[in-house]
Amino acid sequence: MIARKTVHDVVMGYLIENLQPKEDIHLYSTLKDDLGLDSLDQTEMIMHLEQELDIVIDDDQMLDKTANVEELINLIKRRYHID
């Protein structure tokens, strides 16, 4: 039996593998300032999350309402009713 990935695992896994940040990524790391996500990075991340979590994300809605990793995870969990 394969364990289902959590939203936390998918988001953190993507950020760690694709951004290669200078510092550790924490829940309170800001997407733009701490992790340096530009608009292309954000679009690629959204596409990855949609594929991995089998959801459709409105780019503007998600990015406008999230400043850090924890807010992103919580928004996805609430809006799409995922654990």
C-alpha atoms as a PDB file:
ATOM      1  CA  MET A   1       0.000   0.000   0.000  1.00  0.00           C
ATOM      2  CA  ILE A   2       1.354   3.422  -0.964  1.00  0.00           C
ATOM      3  CA  ALA A   3       0.929   6.220   1.556  1.00  0.00           C
ATOM      4  CA  ARG A   4      -0.863   9.304   0.259  1.00  0.00           C
ATOM      5  CA  LYS A   5       1.293  12.418   0.251  1.00  0.00           C
ATOM      6  CA  THR A   6       0.160  15.237   2.493  1.00  0.00           C
ATOM      7  CA  VAL A   7      -0.127  18.840   1.314  1.00  0.00           C
ATOM      8  CA  HIS A   8       2.802  19.655   3.614  1.00  0.00           C
ATOM      9  CA  ASP A   9       4.951  16.927   2.025  1.00  0.00           C
ATOM     10  CA  VAL A  10       4.131  18.014  -1.520  1.00  0.00           C
ATOM     11  CA  VAL A  11       4.734  21.730  -0.892  1.00  0.00           C
ATOM     12  CA  MET A  12       7.927  21.275   1.136  1.00  0.00           C
ATOM     13  CA  GLY A  13       9.256  18.633  -1.253  1.00  0.00           C
ATOM     14  CA  TYR A  14       8.768  20.923  -4.228  1.00  0.00           C
ATOM     15  CA  LEU A  15      10.375  23.918  -2.536  1.00  0.00           C
ATOM     16  CA  ILE A  16      13.405  21.950  -1.342  1.00  0.00           C
ATOM     17  CA  GLU A  17      13.998  20.165  -4.653  1.00  0.00           C
ATOM     18  CA  ASN A  18      13.428  23.089  -6.976  1.00  0.00           C
ATOM     19  CA  LEU A  19      14.543  26.249  -5.196  1.00  0.00           C
ATOM     20  CA  GLN A  20      17.739  25.098  -3.532  1.00  0.00           C
ATOM     21  CA  PRO A  21      17.511  27.882  -0.938  1.00  0.00           C
ATOM     22  CA  LYS A  22      20.534  29.204   0.911  1.00  0.00           C
ATOM     23  CA  GLU A  23      18.842  28.567   4.247  1.00  0.00           C
ATOM     24  CA  ASP A  24      16.509  25.894   5.578  1.00  0.00           C
ATOM     25  CA  ILE A  25      12.878  26.182   4.577  1.00  0.00           C
ATOM     26  CA  HIS A  26      10.487  26.625   7.484  1.00  0.00           C
ATOM     27  CA  LEU A  27       6.720  27.042   7.670  1.00  0.00           C
ATOM     28  CA  TYR A  28       7.231  30.748   8.312  1.00  0.00           C
ATOM     29  CA  SER A  29       9.596  31.250   5.340  1.00  0.00           C
ATOM     30  CA  THR A  30       8.122  33.861   3.014  1.00  0.00           C
ATOM     31  CA  LEU A  31       7.636  32.771  -0.567  1.00  0.00           C
ATOM     32  CA  LYS A  32       8.989  35.888  -2.227  1.00  0.00           C
ATOM     33  CA  ASP A  33      11.496  37.404   0.206  1.00  0.00           C
ATOM     34  CA  ASP A  34      13.003  34.346   1.925  1.00  0.00           C
ATOM     35  CA  LEU A  35      12.673  31.819  -0.899  1.00  0.00           C
ATOM     36  CA  GLY A  36      12.924  34.222  -3.835  1.00  0.00           C
ATOM     37  CA  LEU A  37       9.944  32.895  -5.810  1.00  0.00           C
ATOM     38  CA  ASP A  38       9.462  34.980  -8.928  1.00  0.00           C
ATOM     39  CA  SER A  39       6.411  34.755 -11.189  1.00  0.00           C
ATOM     40  CA  LEU A  40       7.858  31.891 -13.244  1.00  0.00           C
ATOM     41  CA  ASP A  41       8.724  29.933 -10.086  1.00  0.00           C
ATOM     42  CA  GLN A  42       5.205  30.507  -8.770  1.00  0.00           C
ATOM     43  CA  THR A  43       3.613  29.256 -11.999  1.00  0.00           C
ATOM     44  CA  GLU A  44       5.797  26.143 -12.016  1.00  0.00           C
ATOM     45  CA  MET A  45       5.011  25.469  -8.356  1.00  0.00           C
ATOM     46  CA  ILE A  46       1.273  25.809  -8.987  1.00  0.00           C
ATOM     47  CA  MET A  47       1.439  23.379 -11.902  1.00  0.00           C
ATOM     48  CA  HIS A  48       3.324  20.882  -9.733  1.00  0.00           C
ATOM     49  CA  LEU A  49       0.860  21.196  -6.838  1.00  0.00           C
ATOM     50  CA  GLU A  50      -2.100  20.765  -9.190  1.00  0.00           C
ATOM     51  CA  GLN A  51      -0.613  17.608 -10.624  1.00  0.00           C
ATOM     52  CA  GLU A  52       0.513  16.068  -7.332  1.00  0.00           C
ATOM     53  CA  LEU A  53      -2.654  16.925  -5.383  1.00  0.00           C
ATOM     54  CA  ASP A  54      -5.117  16.485  -8.280  1.00  0.00           C
ATOM     55  CA  ILE A  55      -6.605  19.973  -7.847  1.00  0.00           C
ATOM     56  CA  VAL A  56      -7.021  23.133  -9.951  1.00  0.00           C
ATOM     57  CA  ILE A  57      -5.602  26.292  -8.398  1.00  0.00           C
ATOM     58  CA  ASP A  58      -6.525  29.856  -9.369  1.00  0.00           C
ATOM     59  CA  ASP A  59      -3.040  31.431  -9.516  1.00  0.00           C
ATOM     60  CA  ASP A  60      -4.108  34.905  -8.366  1.00  0.00           C
ATOM     61  CA  GLN A  61      -6.255  33.643  -5.503  1.00  0.00           C
ATOM     62  CA  MET A  62      -3.493  31.509  -4.028  1.00  0.00           C
ATOM     63  CA  LEU A  63      -0.553  33.834  -4.383  1.00  0.00           C
ATOM     64  CA  ASP A  64      -2.396  36.951  -3.257  1.00  0.00           C
ATOM     65  CA  LYS A  65      -3.533  35.292  -0.037  1.00  0.00           C
ATOM     66  CA  THR A  66      -0.305  33.586   0.989  1.00  0.00           C
ATOM     67  CA  ALA A  67       2.835  35.204   2.269  1.00  0.00           C
ATOM     68  CA  ASN A  68       4.609  32.194   3.713  1.00  0.00           C
ATOM     69  CA  VAL A  69       4.795  28.411   3.373  1.00  0.00           C
ATOM     70  CA  GLU A  70       2.364  27.725   6.224  1.00  0.00           C
ATOM     71  CA  GLU A  71      -0.292  30.040   4.760  1.00  0.00           C
ATOM     72  CA  LEU A  72       0.051  28.313   1.394  1.00  0.00           C
ATOM     73  CA  ILE A  73      -0.370  24.855   2.938  1.00  0.00           C
ATOM     74  CA  ASN A  74      -3.331  25.931   5.065  1.00  0.00           C
ATOM     75  CA  LEU A  75      -5.082  27.645   2.146  1.00  0.00           C
ATOM     76  CA  ILE A  76      -4.824  24.539  -0.002  1.00  0.00           C
ATOM     77  CA  LYS A  77      -6.043  22.321   2.842  1.00  0.00           C
ATOM     78  CA  ARG A  78      -9.054  24.555   3.562  1.00  0.00           C
ATOM     79  CA  ARG A  79     -10.071  25.367   0.007  1.00  0.00           C
ATOM     80  CA  TYR A  80      -9.732  21.824  -1.337  1.00  0.00           C
ATOM     81  CA  HIS A  81     -10.627  19.935   1.848  1.00  0.00           C
ATOM     82  CA  ILE A  82      -7.368  17.987   1.916  1.00  0.00           C
ATOM     83  CA  ASP A  83      -5.424  16.863   4.987  1.00  0.00           C
END
